[in-house]
Amino acid sequence: MPLTISELIAIVLLVVIVLIILFASIKIVKEYERAIIFRLGRLLGAKGPGLFFIIPIFDKFFKVDLRVIAADVPKQRVVTKDNVSVDVDAVVYYRVFDPVKAVTTVTNYNYACQLLAQTTLRDVLGQVELDELLTKREELNKRLQLLLDIATDPWGIKVTAVTIKDVSLPETMLRAMAKQAEAERERRSRVIMAEGELQASKIMAEAAKQYEEHIIAMRLRELQTLTEIARERNLIVVTSQTFTTGEIAALTRAFQSKEAVKETKE
C-alpha cells in the first residue's frame, strides 16, 4: 500500500531530526584540547583528543586549551622598599595540566591568573630595594614564578615562567642615577691614577737604590742624559766631573755595547 504524502513528510522529518541529533552528538577536539562534560549538572570527566559523543540537551561541555598561554601583566605602580615609585610590567607563562580542576575550581582561570600575577608582582617587588630590582631580575623572576605556581596549583594550572619586561623610573631618579654613575667613574679614574703613582714611586725607589749601589751606572746615566740633551739641542756639553782610567774604560765599553745593541735592532 503506497504511503500517503503526510506519511512521507513525517518520515522525512523524522530522518532530519535523527540527523540533527546525530550531528549534535558528534564532537571533535584537537590534540591540544580537552572537553569537560557535564550531564544534567554532574561532572562526567574529560574527553579527547579526537572524536567523542554527547547527548544533546542533557550534556554540556567546555573546551580547555592545554597549550602554554602568555599573559601580559599590565603596568603596575610599585613602591620599593626604599620608597621609590616605579612602573613595572611583566609576562606570565602558564598552562593547564588538569583541565577538570581548571573548570570546576575557578570561574575563569585565565582572568584569575592575570589578577593573581598583578597582586603578587606588587607584593614581591615592594619588598626589595631599587638596586635589587634593577640588578637581580633573574632572582625576582624565579621568586615570582614559584609563588604563582604554588597559588595556582589547586586550580590545575602550572606557571612555567615569569619575566619582568620593563622597569620605568621617574625622571628625577634617572638624573640622580646618572650623577651617581658619573661620580663612580671619577672615583675609579682617581684610584687608577693613584695606583699608577704608587707603582711608579716603587720602581723609582728601586732604581735609586740600584744607582746608589752602582756609582758607574749612575755616571753612565748622567752622561747618557747629557748626550741626549746635546743631540736634541745641537749643543756641546762640558762636564766638570773627573773620571778615573778604569771608570772611563767601563763607560766606553758600556757605550760601545749600547751602540752595538742599537745597530743590531736596526
C-alpha atoms as a PDB file:
ATOM      1  CA  MET A   1       0.000   0.000   0.000  1.00  0.00           C
ATOM      2  CA  PRO A   2       1.628   3.272  -1.069  1.00  0.00           C
ATOM      3  CA  LEU A   3       2.471   5.872   1.559  1.00  0.00           C
ATOM      4  CA  THR A   4       0.476   8.978   1.703  1.00  0.00           C
ATOM      5  CA  ILE A   5       2.014  12.409   1.406  1.00  0.00           C
ATOM      6  CA  SER A   6       1.577  13.073   5.110  1.00  0.00           C
ATOM      7  CA  GLU A   7       3.375   9.830   5.944  1.00  0.00           C
ATOM      8  CA  LEU A   8       6.271  10.724   3.628  1.00  0.00           C
ATOM      9  CA  ILE A   9       6.560  14.139   5.210  1.00  0.00           C
ATOM     10  CA  ALA A  10       6.578  12.540   8.655  1.00  0.00           C
ATOM     11  CA  ILE A  11       9.337  10.113   7.639  1.00  0.00           C
ATOM     12  CA  VAL A  12      11.407  12.905   6.139  1.00  0.00           C
ATOM     13  CA  LEU A  13      11.002  15.000   9.263  1.00  0.00           C
ATOM     14  CA  LEU A  14      11.961  12.017  11.419  1.00  0.00           C
ATOM     15  CA  VAL A  15      15.088  11.403   9.363  1.00  0.00           C
ATOM     16  CA  VAL A  16      16.012  15.082   9.537  1.00  0.00           C
ATOM     17  CA  ILE A  17      15.541  15.096  13.324  1.00  0.00           C
ATOM     18  CA  VAL A  18      17.679  11.962  13.689  1.00  0.00           C
ATOM     19  CA  LEU A  19      20.426  13.507  11.550  1.00  0.00           C
ATOM     20  CA  ILE A  20      20.325  16.741  13.550  1.00  0.00           C
ATOM     21  CA  ILE A  21      20.572  14.801  16.809  1.00  0.00           C
ATOM     22  CA  LEU A  22      23.396  12.704  15.389  1.00  0.00           C
ATOM     23  CA  PHE A  23      25.354  15.732  14.223  1.00  0.00           C
ATOM     24  CA  ALA A  24      24.734  17.454  17.561  1.00  0.00           C
ATOM     25  CA  SER A  25      26.029  14.364  19.367  1.00  0.00           C
ATOM     26  CA  ILE A  26      29.317  14.143  17.469  1.00  0.00           C
ATOM     27  CA  LYS A  27      32.055  16.404  18.815  1.00  0.00           C
ATOM     28  CA  ILE A  28      35.735  16.713  17.987  1.00  0.00           C
ATOM     29  CA  VAL A  29      38.540  18.297  19.983  1.00  0.00           C
ATOM     30  CA  LYS A  30      42.105  18.868  18.796  1.00  0.00           C
ATOM     31  CA  GLU A  31      45.252  17.244  20.148  1.00  0.00           C
ATOM     32  CA  TYR A  32      45.961  20.198  22.457  1.00  0.00           C
ATOM     33  CA  GLU A  33      42.368  20.451  23.736  1.00  0.00           C
ATOM     34  CA  ARG A  34      40.205  18.574  26.230  1.00  0.00           C
ATOM     35  CA  ALA A  35      36.410  18.580  26.638  1.00  0.00           C
ATOM     36  CA  ILE A  36      34.989  18.652  30.178  1.00  0.00           C
ATOM     37  CA  ILE A  37      31.499  17.095  30.037  1.00  0.00           C
ATOM     38  CA  PHE A  38      28.620  17.688  32.460  1.00  0.00           C
ATOM     39  CA  ARG A  39      25.423  15.606  32.279  1.00  0.00           C
ATOM     40  CA  LEU A  40      22.466  17.214  33.994  1.00  0.00           C
ATOM     41  CA  GLY A  41      24.940  19.240  36.043  1.00  0.00           C
ATOM     42  CA  ARG A  42      27.050  16.289  37.146  1.00  0.00           C
ATOM     43  CA  LEU A  43      30.684  16.009  36.077  1.00  0.00           C
ATOM     44  CA  LEU A  44      31.396  13.077  33.737  1.00  0.00           C
ATOM     45  CA  GLY A  45      35.088  13.823  33.170  1.00  0.00           C
ATOM     46  CA  ALA A  46      37.392  14.901  30.377  1.00  0.00           C
ATOM     47  CA  LYS A  47      37.225  13.649  26.802  1.00  0.00           C
ATOM     48  CA  GLY A  48      39.629  13.958  23.918  1.00  0.00           C
ATOM     49  CA  PRO A  49      41.578  14.379  21.866  1.00  0.00           C
ATOM     50  CA  GLY A  50      39.649  13.243  18.812  1.00  0.00           C
ATOM     51  CA  LEU A  51      36.020  12.178  18.359  1.00  0.00           C
ATOM     52  CA  PHE A  52      33.503  11.708  21.181  1.00  0.00           C
ATOM     53  CA  PHE A  53      29.730  11.702  21.637  1.00  0.00           C
ATOM     54  CA  ILE A  54      27.375  13.610  23.916  1.00  0.00           C
ATOM     55  CA  ILE A  55      23.647  13.526  24.494  1.00  0.00           C
ATOM     56  CA  PRO A  56      22.126  16.764  23.246  1.00  0.00           C
ATOM     57  CA  ILE A  57      20.143  18.820  25.740  1.00  0.00           C
ATOM     58  CA  PHE A  58      21.297  16.609  28.616  1.00  0.00           C
ATOM     59  CA  ASP A  59      25.066  17.091  28.187  1.00  0.00           C
ATOM     60  CA  LYS A  60      27.090  20.285  28.220  1.00  0.00           C
ATOM     61  CA  PHE A  61      30.835  20.504  27.648  1.00  0.00           C
ATOM     62  CA  PHE A  62      33.627  23.082  27.928  1.00  0.00           C
ATOM     63  CA  LYS A  63      36.812  23.125  25.857  1.00  0.00           C
ATOM     64  CA  VAL A  64      40.093  23.668  27.681  1.00  0.00           C
ATOM     65  CA  ASP A  65      43.315  24.589  25.840  1.00  0.00           C
ATOM     66  CA  LEU A  66      46.379  22.760  27.191  1.00  0.00           C
ATOM     67  CA  ARG A  67      48.964  24.900  25.407  1.00  0.00           C
ATOM     68  CA  VAL A  68      51.194  27.407  27.183  1.00  0.00           C
ATOM     69  CA  ILE A  69      49.480  30.787  27.483  1.00  0.00           C
ATOM     70  CA  ALA A  70      51.460  34.035  27.541  1.00  0.00           C
ATOM     71  CA  ALA A  71      49.556  36.589  29.635  1.00  0.00           C
ATOM     72  CA  ASP A  72      50.718  40.198  29.614  1.00  0.00           C
ATOM     73  CA  VAL A  73      50.532  41.719  33.086  1.00  0.00           C
ATOM     74  CA  PRO A  74      49.531  45.399  32.765  1.00  0.00           C
ATOM     75  CA  LYS A  75      51.951  48.021  34.044  1.00  0.00           C
ATOM     76  CA  GLN A  76      51.787  48.205  37.834  1.00  0.00           C
ATOM     77  CA  ARG A  77      52.806  51.104  40.080  1.00  0.00           C
ATOM     78  CA  VAL A  78      55.134  49.636  42.712  1.00  0.00           C
ATOM     79  CA  VAL A  79      56.701  51.373  45.724  1.00  0.00           C
ATOM     80  CA  THR A  80      60.014  49.684  46.519  1.00  0.00           C
ATOM     81  CA  LYS A  81      61.425  49.076  49.980  1.00  0.00           C
ATOM     82  CA  ASP A  82      63.468  52.304  49.784  1.00  0.00           C
ATOM     83  CA  ASN A  83      60.312  54.320  48.894  1.00  0.00           C
ATOM     84  CA  VAL A  84      60.891  54.755  45.158  1.00  0.00           C
ATOM     85  CA  SER A  85      57.827  54.622  42.885  1.00  0.00           C
ATOM     86  CA  VAL A  86      58.389  52.668  39.668  1.00  0.00           C
ATOM     87  CA  ASP A  87      56.149  51.278  36.934  1.00  0.00           C
ATOM     88  CA  VAL A  88      56.720  47.586  36.244  1.00  0.00           C
ATOM     89  CA  ASP A  89      55.141  45.294  33.670  1.00  0.00           C
ATOM     90  CA  ALA A  90      55.725  41.575  33.199  1.00  0.00           C
ATOM     91  CA  VAL A  91      54.707  38.470  31.253  1.00  0.00           C
ATOM     92  CA  VAL A  92      53.420  35.254  32.858  1.00  0.00           C
ATOM     93  CA  TYR A  93      53.622  31.905  31.041  1.00  0.00           C
ATOM     94  CA  TYR A  94      51.298  29.175  32.288  1.00  0.00           C
ATOM     95  CA  ARG A  95      49.425  26.089  31.100  1.00  0.00           C
ATOM     96  CA  VAL A  96      46.606  23.814  32.263  1.00  0.00           C
ATOM     97  CA  PHE A  97      47.806  20.425  33.472  1.00  0.00           C
ATOM     98  CA  ASP A  98      44.467  19.329  34.997  1.00  0.00           C
ATOM     99  CA  PRO A  99      41.534  20.522  32.849  1.00  0.00           C
ATOM    100  CA  VAL A 100      38.925  19.207  35.305  1.00  0.00           C
ATOM    101  CA  LYS A 101      40.281  21.358  38.156  1.00  0.00           C
ATOM    102  CA  ALA A 102      40.657  24.357  35.844  1.00  0.00           C
ATOM    103  CA  VAL A 103      36.915  24.225  35.087  1.00  0.00           C
ATOM    104  CA  THR A 104      35.478  23.126  38.429  1.00  0.00           C
ATOM    105  CA  THR A 105      37.616  25.043  40.974  1.00  0.00           C
ATOM    106  CA  VAL A 106      37.781  28.544  39.466  1.00  0.00           C
ATOM    107  CA  THR A 107      35.283  30.566  37.447  1.00  0.00           C
ATOM    108  CA  ASN A 108      37.671  31.892  34.795  1.00  0.00           C
ATOM    109  CA  TYR A 109      41.187  30.589  35.216  1.00  0.00           C
ATOM    110  CA  ASN A 110      42.712  32.973  32.655  1.00  0.00           C
ATOM    111  CA  TYR A 111      41.314  36.065  34.363  1.00  0.00           C
ATOM    112  CA  ALA A 112      42.147  34.670  37.802  1.00  0.00           C
ATOM    113  CA  CYS A 113      45.780  34.016  36.837  1.00  0.00           C
ATOM    114  CA  GLN A 114      46.203  37.547  35.485  1.00  0.00           C
ATOM    115  CA  LEU A 115      44.791  39.159  38.639  1.00  0.00           C
ATOM    116  CA  LEU A 116      46.925  36.936  40.855  1.00  0.00           C
ATOM    117  CA  ALA A 117      50.016  37.851  38.844  1.00  0.00           C
ATOM    118  CA  GLN A 118      49.319  41.570  39.325  1.00  0.00           C
ATOM    119  CA  THR A 119      48.938  41.338  43.101  1.00  0.00           C
ATOM    120  CA  THR A 120      51.928  39.015  43.508  1.00  0.00           C
ATOM    121  CA  LEU A 121      54.084  41.333  41.396  1.00  0.00           C
ATOM    122  CA  ARG A 122      53.280  44.311  43.619  1.00  0.00           C
ATOM    123  CA  ASP A 123      53.789  42.331  46.824  1.00  0.00           C
ATOM    124  CA  VAL A 124      57.174  40.845  45.879  1.00  0.00           C
ATOM    125  CA  LEU A 125      58.705  43.949  44.293  1.00  0.00           C
ATOM    126  CA  GLY A 126      57.504  46.095  47.188  1.00  0.00           C
ATOM    127  CA  GLN A 127      59.795  44.099  49.499  1.00  0.00           C
ATOM    128  CA  VAL A 128      63.031  44.810  47.584  1.00  0.00           C
ATOM    129  CA  GLU A 129      65.104  47.948  47.072  1.00  0.00           C
ATOM    130  CA  LEU A 130      65.523  49.685  43.721  1.00  0.00           C
ATOM    131  CA  ASP A 131      69.087  48.462  43.171  1.00  0.00           C
ATOM    132  CA  GLU A 132      67.995  44.869  43.709  1.00  0.00           C
ATOM    133  CA  LEU A 133      65.078  45.349  41.322  1.00  0.00           C
ATOM    134  CA  LEU A 134      67.406  46.625  38.596  1.00  0.00           C
ATOM    135  CA  THR A 135      70.267  44.163  39.064  1.00  0.00           C
ATOM    136  CA  LYS A 136      68.643  40.929  40.262  1.00  0.00           C
ATOM    137  CA  ARG A 137      65.769  40.429  37.847  1.00  0.00           C
ATOM    138  CA  GLU A 138      66.563  36.755  37.332  1.00  0.00           C
ATOM    139  CA  GLU A 139      66.189  36.006  41.033  1.00  0.00           C
ATOM    140  CA  LEU A 140      62.974  38.035  41.240  1.00  0.00           C
ATOM    141  CA  ASN A 141      61.564  36.215  38.199  1.00  0.00           C
ATOM    142  CA  LYS A 142      62.200  32.857  39.875  1.00  0.00           C
ATOM    143  CA  ARG A 143      60.631  34.038  43.125  1.00  0.00           C
ATOM    144  CA  LEU A 144      57.517  35.284  41.323  1.00  0.00           C
ATOM    145  CA  GLN A 145      57.249  32.054  39.343  1.00  0.00           C
ATOM    146  CA  LEU A 146      57.482  29.936  42.494  1.00  0.00           C
ATOM    147  CA  LEU A 147      54.832  31.925  44.375  1.00  0.00           C
ATOM    148  CA  LEU A 148      52.405  31.932  41.446  1.00  0.00           C
ATOM    149  CA  ASP A 149      52.937  28.225  40.802  1.00  0.00           C
ATOM    150  CA  ILE A 150      52.108  27.383  44.421  1.00  0.00           C
ATOM    151  CA  ALA A 151      48.991  29.578  44.367  1.00  0.00           C
ATOM    152  CA  THR A 152      47.626  28.214  41.072  1.00  0.00           C
ATOM    153  CA  ASP A 153      48.379  24.536  41.702  1.00  0.00           C
ATOM    154  CA  PRO A 154      44.911  23.872  43.271  1.00  0.00           C
ATOM    155  CA  TRP A 155      43.391  25.263  40.050  1.00  0.00           C
ATOM    156  CA  GLY A 156      45.217  22.740  37.880  1.00  0.00           C
ATOM    157  CA  ILE A 157      47.484  25.485  36.499  1.00  0.00           C
ATOM    158  CA  LYS A 158      51.264  25.240  36.101  1.00  0.00           C
ATOM    159  CA  VAL A 159      53.155  28.550  35.929  1.00  0.00           C
ATOM    160  CA  THR A 160      56.249  27.828  33.837  1.00  0.00           C
ATOM    161  CA  ALA A 161      57.922  31.252  33.839  1.00  0.00           C
ATOM    162  CA  VAL A 162      57.571  34.892  34.831  1.00  0.00           C
ATOM    163  CA  THR A 163      59.558  37.644  33.106  1.00  0.00           C
ATOM    164  CA  ILE A 164      59.804  41.278  34.184  1.00  0.00           C
ATOM    165  CA  LYS A 165      59.718  43.179  30.905  1.00  0.00           C
ATOM    166  CA  ASP A 166      60.364  46.772  31.843  1.00  0.00           C
ATOM    167  CA  VAL A 167      61.010  48.995  34.852  1.00  0.00           C
ATOM    168  CA  SER A 168      60.130  52.664  34.267  1.00  0.00           C
ATOM    169  CA  LEU A 169      61.864  55.104  36.601  1.00  0.00           C
ATOM    170  CA  PRO A 170      60.867  58.730  37.336  1.00  0.00           C
ATOM    171  CA  GLU A 171      62.836  61.438  35.527  1.00  0.00           C
ATOM    172  CA  THR A 172      64.341  62.748  38.770  1.00  0.00           C
ATOM    173  CA  MET A 173      65.591  59.280  39.657  1.00  0.00           C
ATOM    174  CA  LEU A 174      67.182  58.883  36.209  1.00  0.00           C
ATOM    175  CA  ARG A 175      69.105  62.146  36.660  1.00  0.00           C
ATOM    176  CA  ALA A 176      70.231  61.106  40.146  1.00  0.00           C
ATOM    177  CA  MET A 177      71.448  57.742  38.837  1.00  0.00           C
ATOM    178  CA  ALA A 178      73.332  59.472  36.011  1.00  0.00           C
ATOM    179  CA  LYS A 179      75.121  61.697  38.538  1.00  0.00           C
ATOM    180  CA  GLN A 180      75.914  58.680  40.683  1.00  0.00           C
ATOM    181  CA  ALA A 181      77.379  56.813  37.704  1.00  0.00           C
ATOM    182  CA  GLU A 182      79.499  59.857  36.760  1.00  0.00           C
ATOM    183  CA  ALA A 183      80.806  60.141  40.307  1.00  0.00           C
ATOM    184  CA  GLU A 184      81.643  56.443  40.338  1.00  0.00           C
ATOM    185  CA  ARG A 185      83.619  56.761  37.085  1.00  0.00           C
ATOM    186  CA  GLU A 186      85.505  59.760  38.515  1.00  0.00           C
ATOM    187  CA  ARG A 187      86.337  57.794  41.648  1.00  0.00           C
ATOM    188  CA  ARG A 188      87.650  54.859  39.622  1.00  0.00           C
ATOM    189  CA  SER A 189      89.831  57.108  37.466  1.00  0.00           C
ATOM    190  CA  ARG A 190      91.369  58.691  40.559  1.00  0.00           C
ATOM    191  CA  VAL A 191      92.014  55.303  42.100  1.00  0.00           C
ATOM    192  CA  ILE A 192      93.721  54.126  38.916  1.00  0.00           C
ATOM    193  CA  MET A 193      95.904  57.270  38.824  1.00  0.00           C
ATOM    194  CA  ALA A 194      96.846  56.805  42.482  1.00  0.00           C
ATOM    195  CA  GLU A 195      97.749  53.163  41.896  1.00  0.00           C
ATOM    196  CA  GLY A 196      99.898  54.198  38.924  1.00  0.00           C
ATOM    197  CA  GLU A 197     101.699  56.794  41.031  1.00  0.00           C
ATOM    198  CA  LEU A 198     102.300  54.190  43.734  1.00  0.00           C
ATOM    199  CA  GLN A 199     103.776  51.694  41.279  1.00  0.00           C
ATOM    200  CA  ALA A 200     105.925  54.405  39.670  1.00  0.00           C
ATOM    201  CA  SER A 201     107.258  55.503  43.072  1.00  0.00           C
ATOM    202  CA  LYS A 202     108.170  51.916  43.952  1.00  0.00           C
ATOM    203  CA  ILE A 203     110.038  51.459  40.660  1.00  0.00           C
ATOM    204  CA  MET A 204     111.823  54.792  41.065  1.00  0.00           C
ATOM    205  CA  ALA A 205     112.836  53.832  44.613  1.00  0.00           C
ATOM    206  CA  GLU A 206     114.274  50.561  43.347  1.00  0.00           C
ATOM    207  CA  ALA A 207     116.130  52.414  40.574  1.00  0.00           C
ATOM    208  CA  ALA A 208     117.544  54.915  43.062  1.00  0.00           C
ATOM    209  CA  LYS A 209     118.748  52.050  45.236  1.00  0.00           C
ATOM    210  CA  GLN A 210     120.473  50.437  42.262  1.00  0.00           C
ATOM    211  CA  TYR A 211     122.171  53.728  41.299  1.00  0.00           C
ATOM    212  CA  GLU A 212     123.295  54.169  44.881  1.00  0.00           C
ATOM    213  CA  GLU A 213     124.898  50.736  44.917  1.00  0.00           C
ATOM    214  CA  HIS A 214     126.456  51.102  41.436  1.00  0.00           C
ATOM    215  CA  ILE A 215     128.111  54.508  41.000  1.00  0.00           C
ATOM    216  CA  ILE A 216     129.283  53.692  37.470  1.00  0.00           C
ATOM    217  CA  ALA A 217     125.677  53.112  36.412  1.00  0.00           C
ATOM    218  CA  MET A 218     124.721  56.474  37.866  1.00  0.00           C
ATOM    219  CA  ARG A 219     127.510  58.254  35.974  1.00  0.00           C
ATOM    220  CA  LEU A 220     126.611  56.372  32.791  1.00  0.00           C
ATOM    221  CA  ARG A 221     123.041  57.581  33.190  1.00  0.00           C
ATOM    222  CA  GLU A 222     124.271  61.175  33.660  1.00  0.00           C
ATOM    223  CA  LEU A 223     126.392  61.007  30.501  1.00  0.00           C
ATOM    224  CA  GLN A 224     123.526  59.464  28.551  1.00  0.00           C
ATOM    225  CA  THR A 225     121.201  62.269  29.663  1.00  0.00           C
ATOM    226  CA  LEU A 226     123.764  64.914  28.689  1.00  0.00           C
ATOM    227  CA  THR A 227     124.283  63.215  25.330  1.00  0.00           C
ATOM    228  CA  GLU A 228     120.548  63.222  24.608  1.00  0.00           C
ATOM    229  CA  ILE A 229     120.279  66.907  25.544  1.00  0.00           C
ATOM    230  CA  ALA A 230     123.230  67.800  23.338  1.00  0.00           C
ATOM    231  CA  ARG A 231     121.834  65.788  20.423  1.00  0.00           C
ATOM    232  CA  GLU A 232     118.390  67.403  20.628  1.00  0.00           C
ATOM    233  CA  ARG A 233     119.642  70.996  21.103  1.00  0.00           C
ATOM    234  CA  ASN A 234     122.829  70.741  18.957  1.00  0.00           C
ATOM    235  CA  LEU A 235     124.919  71.750  21.963  1.00  0.00           C
ATOM    236  CA  ILE A 236     128.354  70.866  23.263  1.00  0.00           C
ATOM    237  CA  VAL A 237     128.045  69.915  26.898  1.00  0.00           C
ATOM    238  CA  VAL A 238     131.159  70.078  29.104  1.00  0.00           C
ATOM    239  CA  THR A 239     131.074  68.435  32.482  1.00  0.00           C
ATOM    240  CA  SER A 240     133.350  69.199  35.380  1.00  0.00           C
ATOM    241  CA  GLN A 241     133.142  65.630  36.609  1.00  0.00           C
ATOM    242  CA  THR A 242     136.550  63.814  36.506  1.00  0.00           C
ATOM    243  CA  PHE A 243     136.749  60.109  35.892  1.00  0.00           C
ATOM    244  CA  THR A 244     139.442  57.605  36.641  1.00  0.00           C
ATOM    245  CA  THR A 245     141.002  55.466  33.905  1.00  0.00           C
ATOM    246  CA  GLY A 246     139.013  52.429  34.984  1.00  0.00           C
ATOM    247  CA  GLU A 247     135.759  54.365  35.014  1.00  0.00           C
ATOM    248  CA  ILE A 248     136.468  55.800  31.552  1.00  0.00           C
ATOM    249  CA  ALA A 249     137.155  52.290  30.231  1.00  0.00           C
ATOM    250  CA  ALA A 250     133.965  50.989  31.803  1.00  0.00           C
ATOM    251  CA  LEU A 251     131.918  53.844  30.402  1.00  0.00           C
ATOM    252  CA  THR A 252     133.450  53.330  26.960  1.00  0.00           C
ATOM    253  CA  ARG A 253     132.573  49.639  26.987  1.00  0.00           C
ATOM    254  CA  ALA A 254     129.061  50.461  28.102  1.00  0.00           C
ATOM    255  CA  PHE A 255     128.575  52.987  25.291  1.00  0.00           C
ATOM    256  CA  GLN A 256     130.005  50.569  22.740  1.00  0.00           C
ATOM    257  CA  SER A 257     127.763  47.730  23.871  1.00  0.00           C
ATOM    258  CA  LYS A 258     124.746  50.071  23.780  1.00  0.00           C
ATOM    259  CA  GLU A 259     125.552  51.227  20.249  1.00  0.00           C
ATOM    260  CA  ALA A 260     126.035  47.608  19.186  1.00  0.00           C
ATOM    261  CA  VAL A 261     122.593  46.707  20.526  1.00  0.00           C
ATOM    262  CA  LYS A 262     121.033  49.657  18.630  1.00  0.00           C
ATOM    263  CA  GLU A 263     122.716  48.604  15.379  1.00  0.00           C
ATOM    264  CA  THR A 264     121.531  45.029  15.854  1.00  0.00           C
ATOM    265  CA  LYS A 265     117.940  46.198  16.377  1.00  0.00           C
ATOM    266  CA  GLU A 266     118.105  48.424  13.300  1.00  0.00           C
END
